[in-house]
Structure formats: C-alpha cells, structure tokens
Amino acid sequence: MLAVSACLFQLLSSEIWQSCQRLSLFLHLADEIRTTDVLRAALSANKECFIPRYVGSVMDMVKLHSWEDFVSLPETSWKVKQPADDDNLRESATDTGISVHSVVSCLVINTKF
C-alpha cells in the first residue's frame, strides 16, 4: 500500500495533473494498482473524468458526474464498475472532438502482490 500511496502522491504533485482539466482513466482489476484513488482525487478537484464502457467488443470513454455516480454504477463480470449498456445519456470523451489524452504513468518497482 505504501508504494501505491507514493505513486498517487507523485501523480497529484505533478504539473501535468495540476493543469489537467479532463482525463480518461481505466479502472483497476482486483490484482492491479488501485485507480479509484486517482478517480476520487480527480472528481474532488472538479476535473472532468471519463471511464471505459464496453458494449461487446466496442469501448467508449464516458463521463462520470460525481463520486456518487461512480459508486452507483453496476459491476461487470470482471468486478469493474461501468455504466449499463443502455445508459446512452453520458457524454463521450470524443463528443467534443478532443481525441488527445495526456497519460501519466507511475512505475512501481519491487512491489509484492
């Protein structure tokens, strides 16, 4: 958990995070580094957040409105939250014509799972 906290601190301290207004974020599987902490921080900072919604083999990044919105989402068979297949009222990250996303990666070395 200490490595995750260090990674989150590094991300939240970065210039790219400070200047970011919109971000797309993949949600973690059970054995991956937790991305919900990043999502909560982004929503708390009033950043526009987009998460994946898969319908069949098609993925779209759709907007979340709040942390409560995220918590209320159904889970997939992979235990990952996403909007329901028939939830068509959400803005897509590509609706505004913006297709470039800044990606920030934190590498955690020597972490035991």
C-alpha atoms as a PDB file:
ATOM      1  CA  MET A   1       0.000   0.000   0.000  1.00  0.00           C
ATOM      2  CA  LEU A   2       2.917   2.321   0.666  1.00  0.00           C
ATOM      3  CA  ALA A   3       4.033   2.069  -2.977  1.00  0.00           C
ATOM      4  CA  VAL A   4       0.526   2.961  -4.145  1.00  0.00           C
ATOM      5  CA  SER A   5       0.423   5.998  -1.853  1.00  0.00           C
ATOM      6  CA  ALA A   6       3.820   7.158  -3.128  1.00  0.00           C
ATOM      7  CA  CYS A   7       2.641   6.764  -6.709  1.00  0.00           C
ATOM      8  CA  LEU A   8      -0.549   8.720  -6.007  1.00  0.00           C
ATOM      9  CA  PHE A   9       1.402  11.474  -4.248  1.00  0.00           C
ATOM     10  CA  GLN A  10       3.808  11.712  -7.204  1.00  0.00           C
ATOM     11  CA  LEU A  11       0.908  11.961  -9.644  1.00  0.00           C
ATOM     12  CA  LEU A  12      -1.061  14.540  -7.650  1.00  0.00           C
ATOM     13  CA  SER A  13       2.083  16.670  -7.215  1.00  0.00           C
ATOM     14  CA  SER A  14       2.897  16.742 -10.926  1.00  0.00           C
ATOM     15  CA  GLU A  15       2.456  19.779 -13.168  1.00  0.00           C
ATOM     16  CA  ILE A  16       0.515  17.746 -15.704  1.00  0.00           C
ATOM     17  CA  TRP A  17      -2.022  16.797 -13.010  1.00  0.00           C
ATOM     18  CA  GLN A  18      -2.323  20.403 -11.848  1.00  0.00           C
ATOM     19  CA  SER A  19      -3.024  21.668 -15.373  1.00  0.00           C
ATOM     20  CA  CYS A  20      -5.233  18.780 -16.452  1.00  0.00           C
ATOM     21  CA  GLN A  21      -8.923  19.630 -16.867  1.00  0.00           C
ATOM     22  CA  ARG A  22     -10.154  16.355 -18.394  1.00  0.00           C
ATOM     23  CA  LEU A  23      -8.802  12.848 -18.016  1.00  0.00           C
ATOM     24  CA  SER A  24      -9.600   9.330 -19.089  1.00  0.00           C
ATOM     25  CA  LEU A  25      -8.907   6.639 -16.553  1.00  0.00           C
ATOM     26  CA  PHE A  26      -9.037   2.867 -16.751  1.00  0.00           C
ATOM     27  CA  LEU A  27     -10.463   1.229 -13.651  1.00  0.00           C
ATOM     28  CA  HIS A  28      -8.403  -1.467 -11.973  1.00  0.00           C
ATOM     29  CA  LEU A  29      -8.976  -5.189 -11.778  1.00  0.00           C
ATOM     30  CA  ALA A  30      -8.572  -6.931  -8.420  1.00  0.00           C
ATOM     31  CA  ASP A  31      -4.856  -7.653  -8.927  1.00  0.00           C
ATOM     32  CA  GLU A  32      -3.860  -4.240 -10.345  1.00  0.00           C
ATOM     33  CA  ILE A  33      -2.820  -0.955  -8.767  1.00  0.00           C
ATOM     34  CA  ARG A  34      -5.892   0.877  -7.460  1.00  0.00           C
ATOM     35  CA  THR A  35      -7.017   3.635  -9.793  1.00  0.00           C
ATOM     36  CA  THR A  36     -10.123   4.548  -7.802  1.00  0.00           C
ATOM     37  CA  ASP A  37      -7.961   6.742  -5.548  1.00  0.00           C
ATOM     38  CA  VAL A  38      -6.929   8.739  -8.621  1.00  0.00           C
ATOM     39  CA  LEU A  39     -10.565   8.925  -9.738  1.00  0.00           C
ATOM     40  CA  ARG A  40     -11.715  10.183  -6.333  1.00  0.00           C
ATOM     41  CA  ALA A  41      -8.949  12.825  -6.290  1.00  0.00           C
ATOM     42  CA  ALA A  42      -9.844  13.980  -9.801  1.00  0.00           C
ATOM     43  CA  LEU A  43     -13.541  14.266  -9.036  1.00  0.00           C
ATOM     44  CA  SER A  44     -12.758  16.109  -5.780  1.00  0.00           C
ATOM     45  CA  ALA A  45     -10.666  18.569  -7.800  1.00  0.00           C
ATOM     46  CA  ASN A  46     -13.607  19.136 -10.193  1.00  0.00           C
ATOM     47  CA  LYS A  47     -11.807  17.573 -13.154  1.00  0.00           C
ATOM     48  CA  GLU A  48     -13.899  16.008 -15.903  1.00  0.00           C
ATOM     49  CA  CYS A  49     -13.415  12.240 -15.650  1.00  0.00           C
ATOM     50  CA  PHE A  50     -14.086   9.608 -18.269  1.00  0.00           C
ATOM     51  CA  ILE A  51     -14.080   5.848 -17.677  1.00  0.00           C
ATOM     52  CA  PRO A  52     -14.452   2.931 -20.084  1.00  0.00           C
ATOM     53  CA  ARG A  53     -17.779   1.444 -21.052  1.00  0.00           C
ATOM     54  CA  TYR A  54     -17.554  -1.734 -23.058  1.00  0.00           C
ATOM     55  CA  VAL A  55     -20.524  -2.876 -25.105  1.00  0.00           C
ATOM     56  CA  GLY A  56     -19.476  -6.147 -26.708  1.00  0.00           C
ATOM     57  CA  SER A  57     -16.036  -5.521 -28.176  1.00  0.00           C
ATOM     58  CA  VAL A  58     -16.537  -1.747 -28.517  1.00  0.00           C
ATOM     59  CA  MET A  59     -15.114   0.569 -25.871  1.00  0.00           C
ATOM     60  CA  ASP A  60     -16.009   4.196 -25.316  1.00  0.00           C
ATOM     61  CA  MET A  61     -14.764   6.562 -22.623  1.00  0.00           C
ATOM     62  CA  VAL A  62     -17.832   8.082 -20.958  1.00  0.00           C
ATOM     63  CA  LYS A  63     -18.178  10.891 -18.446  1.00  0.00           C
ATOM     64  CA  LEU A  64     -18.739  10.419 -14.735  1.00  0.00           C
ATOM     65  CA  HIS A  65     -20.660  13.156 -12.942  1.00  0.00           C
ATOM     66  CA  SER A  66     -19.510  12.581  -9.363  1.00  0.00           C
ATOM     67  CA  TRP A  67     -18.111  10.056  -6.904  1.00  0.00           C
ATOM     68  CA  GLU A  68     -21.690   9.106  -6.031  1.00  0.00           C
ATOM     69  CA  ASP A  69     -22.334   8.477  -9.724  1.00  0.00           C
ATOM     70  CA  PHE A  70     -19.353   6.109  -9.795  1.00  0.00           C
ATOM     71  CA  VAL A  71     -20.428   4.259  -6.640  1.00  0.00           C
ATOM     72  CA  SER A  72     -23.915   3.718  -8.062  1.00  0.00           C
ATOM     73  CA  LEU A  73     -22.668   2.060 -11.281  1.00  0.00           C
ATOM     74  CA  PRO A  74     -23.282  -1.662 -11.835  1.00  0.00           C
ATOM     75  CA  GLU A  75     -20.318  -4.069 -11.921  1.00  0.00           C
ATOM     76  CA  THR A  76     -19.309  -6.194 -14.866  1.00  0.00           C
ATOM     77  CA  SER A  77     -18.485  -9.899 -14.590  1.00  0.00           C
ATOM     78  CA  TRP A  78     -14.865  -8.722 -14.102  1.00  0.00           C
ATOM     79  CA  LYS A  79     -15.985  -6.792 -10.975  1.00  0.00           C
ATOM     80  CA  VAL A  80     -15.277  -3.435 -12.628  1.00  0.00           C
ATOM     81  CA  LYS A  81     -17.855  -0.657 -12.447  1.00  0.00           C
ATOM     82  CA  GLN A  82     -19.152   0.811 -15.682  1.00  0.00           C
ATOM     83  CA  PRO A  83     -22.355   2.417 -16.933  1.00  0.00           C
ATOM     84  CA  ALA A  84     -25.036  -0.006 -18.068  1.00  0.00           C
ATOM     85  CA  ASP A  85     -25.188  -0.889 -21.770  1.00  0.00           C
ATOM     86  CA  ASP A  86     -28.421   1.088 -22.155  1.00  0.00           C
ATOM     87  CA  ASP A  87     -27.062   4.192 -20.392  1.00  0.00           C
ATOM     88  CA  ASN A  88     -26.807   6.366 -23.504  1.00  0.00           C
ATOM     89  CA  LEU A  89     -27.116   9.786 -21.883  1.00  0.00           C
ATOM     90  CA  ARG A  90     -23.457  10.151 -20.903  1.00  0.00           C
ATOM     91  CA  GLU A  91     -21.066  12.400 -22.773  1.00  0.00           C
ATOM     92  CA  SER A  92     -18.343  10.544 -24.629  1.00  0.00           C
ATOM     93  CA  ALA A  93     -14.758  11.818 -24.426  1.00  0.00           C
ATOM     94  CA  THR A  94     -14.831  12.086 -28.217  1.00  0.00           C
ATOM     95  CA  ASP A  95     -18.103  14.099 -28.376  1.00  0.00           C
ATOM     96  CA  THR A  96     -16.201  17.379 -28.146  1.00  0.00           C
ATOM     97  CA  GLY A  97     -13.798  16.434 -30.902  1.00  0.00           C
ATOM     98  CA  ILE A  98     -10.892  16.164 -28.473  1.00  0.00           C
ATOM     99  CA  SER A  99      -9.103  12.900 -29.092  1.00  0.00           C
ATOM    100  CA  VAL A 100      -5.752  13.521 -27.392  1.00  0.00           C
ATOM    101  CA  HIS A 101      -5.385  12.475 -23.766  1.00  0.00           C
ATOM    102  CA  SER A 102      -2.413  13.079 -21.524  1.00  0.00           C
ATOM    103  CA  VAL A 103      -1.227   9.874 -19.938  1.00  0.00           C
ATOM    104  CA  VAL A 104       0.718   9.832 -16.691  1.00  0.00           C
ATOM    105  CA  SER A 105       2.328   6.537 -15.670  1.00  0.00           C
ATOM    106  CA  CYS A 106       3.802   5.586 -12.335  1.00  0.00           C
ATOM    107  CA  LEU A 107       6.058   2.576 -12.278  1.00  0.00           C
ATOM    108  CA  VAL A 108       6.214   0.666  -9.045  1.00  0.00           C
ATOM    109  CA  ILE A 109       9.358  -1.434  -8.809  1.00  0.00           C
ATOM    110  CA  ASN A 110       9.838  -4.356  -6.424  1.00  0.00           C
ATOM    111  CA  THR A 111       6.222  -4.351  -5.305  1.00  0.00           C
ATOM    112  CA  LYS A 112       4.986  -7.664  -3.949  1.00  0.00           C
ATOM    113  CA  PHE A 113       1.419  -8.650  -4.732  1.00  0.00           C
END
